[in-house]
Amino acid sequence: MKIGLLECDHVRDELKHIAGDYRQMFPVLFLQVAPNWEFQFFDVCNGHFPESVDTCDVYICTGSKSSVYDDEEWISRLKEFVREIHSSKSFFIGICFGHQILGEALGGKVRKSDVGWCVGVHAFEIIKTEEWMDPGLSTVNLLMMCQDQVVRLPPASTLLASTADCPNAMFTVGENMLGVQAHPEFPKEYDQALMQLRVERIGEEKVKKGIESLELHLNDLDVAGWIHNFIDLKN
């Protein structure tokens, strides 16, 4: 199974000692549940895209400091690539920015949330349980680091999970597209380091609560397993 990681940003140099760049974080997570996955890396934020949708079986789209509504050539190109995937037999998994670009590319709407930043551990309430969501859980705890949100889902979407501060936290479009607003690939240490770097932007009280929330258990491996099942059962 060929997995194309669409890199929409890169970890800051001073934080790479924690867990590397995204091309290290995602394989570390997913190879625990899908050891047969072979990763290829595409630095799309610097204009390096796959030659065609058929290059890989699955595309995972990372987070980013950019917004999906920014007027950047690579973002416009990525939206078109997402639409091509939607019409193909390949799969698309959107994480944070990737979740948002899935929404925006297929007719939804993304903007800055009225609640401000979502950071630290958030409880995702499962609204609809699909066959591939095994083990079945009523809530999953995941790390978040976002200010933008999908505020209107694209047509033909199925909402799967919500949080108190993020109504459209996980959804599918059709049989091959899945978006998750959280960061299952982040280690807690990296999420904390980002919060501490962004105190002025996020706010001291929200960072304090976010760091305190890191004491909670994470369901990152459960959700990684769901993503693997989503692809495996439908492939």
Protein backbone atom coordinates (compact mmCIF):
# COMPACT_ATOMS: atom_id res chain seq x y z
CA MET A 1 0.00 0.00 0.00
CA LYS A 2 1.59 3.26 -1.15
CA ILE A 3 0.89 6.22 1.11
CA GLY A 4 1.62 9.74 -0.12
CA LEU A 5 2.17 12.27 2.66
CA LEU A 6 1.20 15.71 1.38
CA GLU A 7 3.41 17.99 3.49
CA CYS A 8 1.68 21.35 3.90
CA ASP A 9 4.21 22.71 6.38
CA HIS A 10 7.37 21.71 8.24
CA VAL A 11 8.28 21.54 11.90
CA ARG A 12 10.34 24.48 13.10
CA ASP A 13 14.05 23.65 13.33
CA GLU A 14 14.20 24.31 17.07
CA LEU A 15 11.45 21.71 17.68
CA LYS A 16 12.66 18.91 15.39
CA HIS A 17 14.59 17.28 18.24
CA ILE A 18 11.25 16.29 19.82
CA ALA A 19 9.85 14.03 17.10
CA GLY A 20 11.36 15.13 13.80
CA ASP A 21 9.34 16.59 10.95
CA TYR A 22 5.91 15.45 9.76
CA ARG A 23 7.56 12.81 7.58
CA GLN A 24 8.81 11.20 10.78
CA MET A 25 5.69 11.70 12.94
CA PHE A 26 3.13 10.15 10.58
CA PRO A 27 5.02 6.90 9.87
CA VAL A 28 5.80 6.48 13.60
CA LEU A 29 2.05 6.58 14.30
CA PHE A 30 0.61 4.63 11.39
CA LEU A 31 3.22 1.88 11.07
CA GLN A 32 2.08 0.68 14.50
CA VAL A 33 -1.31 -0.25 13.01
CA ALA A 34 -0.42 -0.65 9.31
CA PRO A 35 3.10 -2.14 9.03
CA ASN A 36 2.62 -2.81 5.29
CA TRP A 37 2.25 0.91 4.45
CA GLU A 38 5.06 2.41 2.37
CA PHE A 39 5.34 6.18 2.70
CA GLN A 40 6.33 8.62 -0.03
CA PHE A 41 6.73 12.31 0.74
CA PHE A 42 5.53 15.28 -1.29
CA ASP A 43 6.57 18.76 -0.17
CA VAL A 44 3.44 20.39 -1.59
CA CYS A 45 3.88 23.66 0.31
CA ASN A 46 7.03 24.13 -1.78
CA GLY A 47 5.33 23.09 -5.00
CA HIS A 48 6.31 19.40 -5.13
CA PHE A 49 3.19 17.41 -6.04
CA PRO A 50 2.64 13.81 -7.16
CA GLU A 51 2.74 13.35 -10.92
CA SER A 52 -0.83 12.06 -10.83
CA VAL A 53 -3.50 10.85 -8.42
CA ASP A 54 -2.54 7.28 -9.36
CA THR A 55 0.96 7.72 -7.92
CA CYS A 56 -0.26 6.50 -4.50
CA ASP A 57 -3.16 4.46 -3.12
CA VAL A 58 -3.73 6.82 -0.19
CA TYR A 59 -2.93 10.47 0.44
CA ILE A 60 -2.58 11.88 3.96
CA CYS A 61 -2.64 15.68 4.10
CA THR A 62 -0.86 17.31 7.07
CA GLY A 63 -1.50 20.37 9.19
CA SER A 64 -0.10 23.78 8.32
CA LYS A 65 0.49 27.26 9.67
CA SER A 66 -1.28 28.49 6.51
CA SER A 67 -5.04 28.82 6.10
CA VAL A 68 -6.92 27.06 3.34
CA TYR A 69 -8.40 30.40 2.22
CA ASP A 70 -4.96 32.03 1.78
CA ASP A 71 -4.23 33.21 -1.75
CA GLU A 72 -1.28 30.89 -2.40
CA GLU A 73 -0.63 29.02 -5.63
CA TRP A 74 0.18 25.74 -3.88
CA ILE A 75 -3.07 25.89 -1.87
CA SER A 76 -5.15 26.39 -5.02
CA ARG A 77 -3.29 23.53 -6.66
CA LEU A 78 -3.84 21.33 -3.61
CA LYS A 79 -7.60 22.00 -3.68
CA GLU A 80 -7.70 20.88 -7.31
CA PHE A 81 -5.68 17.76 -6.39
CA VAL A 82 -8.19 16.98 -3.61
CA ARG A 83 -11.02 17.21 -6.13
CA GLU A 84 -9.14 14.83 -8.41
CA ILE A 85 -8.74 12.34 -5.55
CA HIS A 86 -12.46 12.62 -4.82
CA SER A 87 -13.20 11.45 -8.37
CA SER A 88 -10.62 8.65 -8.26
CA LYS A 89 -10.16 5.29 -6.55
CA SER A 90 -7.48 6.66 -4.23
CA PHE A 91 -8.16 7.65 -0.62
CA PHE A 92 -7.70 11.02 1.09
CA ILE A 93 -7.15 11.48 4.83
CA GLY A 94 -7.09 15.11 5.96
CA ILE A 95 -5.51 16.04 9.29
CA CYS A 96 -6.18 19.56 10.71
CA PHE A 97 -5.34 21.80 7.69
CA GLY A 98 -5.91 18.69 5.54
CA HIS A 99 -9.36 18.26 7.12
CA GLN A 100 -10.11 21.90 6.36
CA ILE A 101 -8.90 21.74 2.75
CA LEU A 102 -11.11 18.69 2.22
CA GLY A 103 -14.07 20.78 3.36
CA GLU A 104 -13.15 23.88 1.36
CA ALA A 105 -12.18 22.04 -1.85
CA LEU A 106 -15.47 20.14 -2.05
CA GLY A 107 -17.82 23.04 -1.36
CA GLY A 108 -17.77 23.60 2.39
CA LYS A 109 -16.62 26.70 4.28
CA VAL A 110 -13.63 27.32 6.55
CA ARG A 111 -12.96 30.37 8.72
CA LYS A 112 -11.46 31.35 12.07
CA SER A 113 -13.57 29.99 14.90
CA ASP A 114 -15.50 32.27 17.21
CA VAL A 115 -14.09 30.31 20.17
CA GLY A 116 -10.50 31.11 19.17
CA TRP A 117 -7.78 28.48 19.46
CA CYS A 118 -8.39 24.83 20.31
CA VAL A 119 -5.28 23.42 22.01
CA GLY A 120 -4.37 20.46 24.15
CA VAL A 121 -6.56 17.38 24.59
CA HIS A 122 -10.18 17.58 23.43
CA ALA A 123 -12.92 14.95 23.76
CA PHE A 124 -14.41 14.01 20.38
CA GLU A 125 -17.99 12.84 20.86
CA ILE A 126 -18.88 10.19 18.30
CA ILE A 127 -22.07 11.24 16.52
CA LYS A 128 -22.24 8.31 14.10
CA THR A 129 -20.39 5.02 14.33
CA GLU A 130 -19.31 3.39 11.08
CA GLU A 131 -18.27 -0.26 10.57
CA TRP A 132 -14.60 0.67 10.35
CA MET A 133 -14.65 2.52 13.70
CA ASP A 134 -13.45 -0.52 15.61
CA PRO A 135 -13.04 -0.54 18.57
CA GLY A 136 -16.36 1.20 19.03
CA LEU A 137 -15.95 4.18 21.35
CA SER A 138 -18.42 6.88 22.42
CA THR A 139 -15.65 9.47 22.80
CA VAL A 140 -12.00 9.73 21.80
CA ASN A 141 -9.41 12.07 23.29
CA LEU A 142 -7.17 13.74 20.72
CA LEU A 143 -4.70 16.62 20.59
CA MET A 144 -5.75 19.81 18.83
CA MET A 145 -3.83 22.86 17.61
CA CYS A 146 -6.05 25.01 15.42
CA GLN A 147 -7.78 28.34 15.04
CA ASP A 148 -9.53 27.71 11.72
CA GLN A 149 -12.45 25.28 11.50
CA VAL A 150 -14.81 23.80 8.94
CA VAL A 151 -17.93 25.82 9.72
CA ARG A 152 -20.03 24.40 6.86
CA LEU A 153 -19.62 20.83 5.65
CA PRO A 154 -19.38 20.11 1.93
CA PRO A 155 -22.36 18.46 0.19
CA ALA A 156 -22.82 14.70 0.65
CA SER A 157 -20.82 14.72 3.91
CA THR A 158 -21.43 12.50 6.91
CA LEU A 159 -20.59 14.05 10.29
CA LEU A 160 -18.93 11.51 12.57
CA ALA A 161 -17.66 13.47 15.58
CA SER A 162 -17.97 16.82 17.35
CA THR A 163 -16.28 18.53 20.27
CA ALA A 164 -17.62 21.23 22.57
CA ASP A 165 -15.63 23.87 20.65
CA CYS A 166 -15.52 22.26 17.20
CA PRO A 167 -18.90 21.06 15.85
CA ASN A 168 -17.52 19.56 12.61
CA ALA A 169 -14.57 17.68 14.09
CA MET A 170 -14.60 14.57 11.89
CA PHE A 171 -16.46 13.77 8.69
CA THR A 172 -16.42 11.71 5.52
CA VAL A 173 -17.29 12.60 1.95
CA GLY A 174 -18.28 9.63 -0.16
CA GLU A 175 -16.41 6.36 0.26
CA ASN A 176 -12.82 7.60 0.01
CA MET A 177 -12.46 10.93 1.85
CA LEU A 178 -12.04 11.39 5.61
CA GLY A 179 -11.22 14.52 7.59
CA VAL A 180 -10.10 14.76 11.24
CA GLN A 181 -9.55 18.17 12.82
CA ALA A 182 -7.21 16.75 15.47
CA HIS A 183 -3.52 15.78 15.40
CA PRO A 184 -3.21 12.06 16.23
CA GLU A 185 0.40 12.20 14.96
CA PHE A 186 1.55 14.77 17.55
CA PRO A 187 3.36 13.56 20.67
CA LYS A 188 2.22 15.42 23.79
CA GLU A 189 5.68 16.95 24.20
CA TYR A 190 5.45 18.54 20.75
CA ASP A 191 1.93 19.88 21.34
CA GLN A 192 3.09 21.44 24.62
CA ALA A 193 6.11 23.04 22.94
CA LEU A 194 3.85 24.60 20.30
CA MET A 195 1.53 25.97 22.96
CA GLN A 196 4.44 27.51 24.85
CA LEU A 197 5.76 29.15 21.67
CA ARG A 198 2.33 30.62 20.89
CA VAL A 199 1.26 31.95 24.29
CA GLU A 200 0.80 35.51 23.01
CA ARG A 201 -1.36 34.31 20.12
CA ILE A 202 -3.37 31.70 22.00
CA GLY A 203 -3.68 33.40 25.40
CA GLU A 204 -2.09 32.51 28.74
CA GLU A 205 -5.21 30.98 30.33
CA LYS A 206 -6.00 28.77 27.33
CA VAL A 207 -2.37 27.57 27.16
CA LYS A 208 -2.41 26.83 30.90
CA LYS A 209 -5.56 24.71 30.54
CA GLY A 210 -4.19 23.08 27.39
CA ILE A 211 -1.01 21.99 29.15
CA GLU A 212 -3.01 20.69 32.13
CA SER A 213 -5.14 18.63 29.72
CA LEU A 214 -2.05 16.70 28.62
CA GLU A 215 -2.51 14.55 31.73
CA LEU A 216 -5.48 12.91 29.99
CA HIS A 217 -5.22 9.63 28.07
CA LEU A 218 -5.05 9.87 24.28
CA ASN A 219 -6.84 7.67 21.73
CA ASP A 220 -4.33 8.42 18.97
CA LEU A 221 -3.66 4.74 18.22
CA ASP A 222 -7.39 3.93 18.22
CA VAL A 223 -8.02 6.65 15.64
CA ALA A 224 -5.00 5.57 13.60
CA GLY A 225 -6.56 2.10 13.58
CA TRP A 226 -9.88 3.57 12.43
CA ILE A 227 -8.14 5.32 9.55
CA HIS A 228 -6.41 2.09 8.56
CA ASN A 229 -9.75 0.24 8.72
CA PHE A 230 -11.49 2.96 6.68
CA ILE A 231 -9.03 2.31 3.87
CA ASP A 232 -8.75 -1.45 4.31
CA LEU A 233 -12.48 -2.22 4.45
CA LYS A 234 -13.32 -0.03 1.47
CA ASN A 235 -10.32 -0.94 -0.69
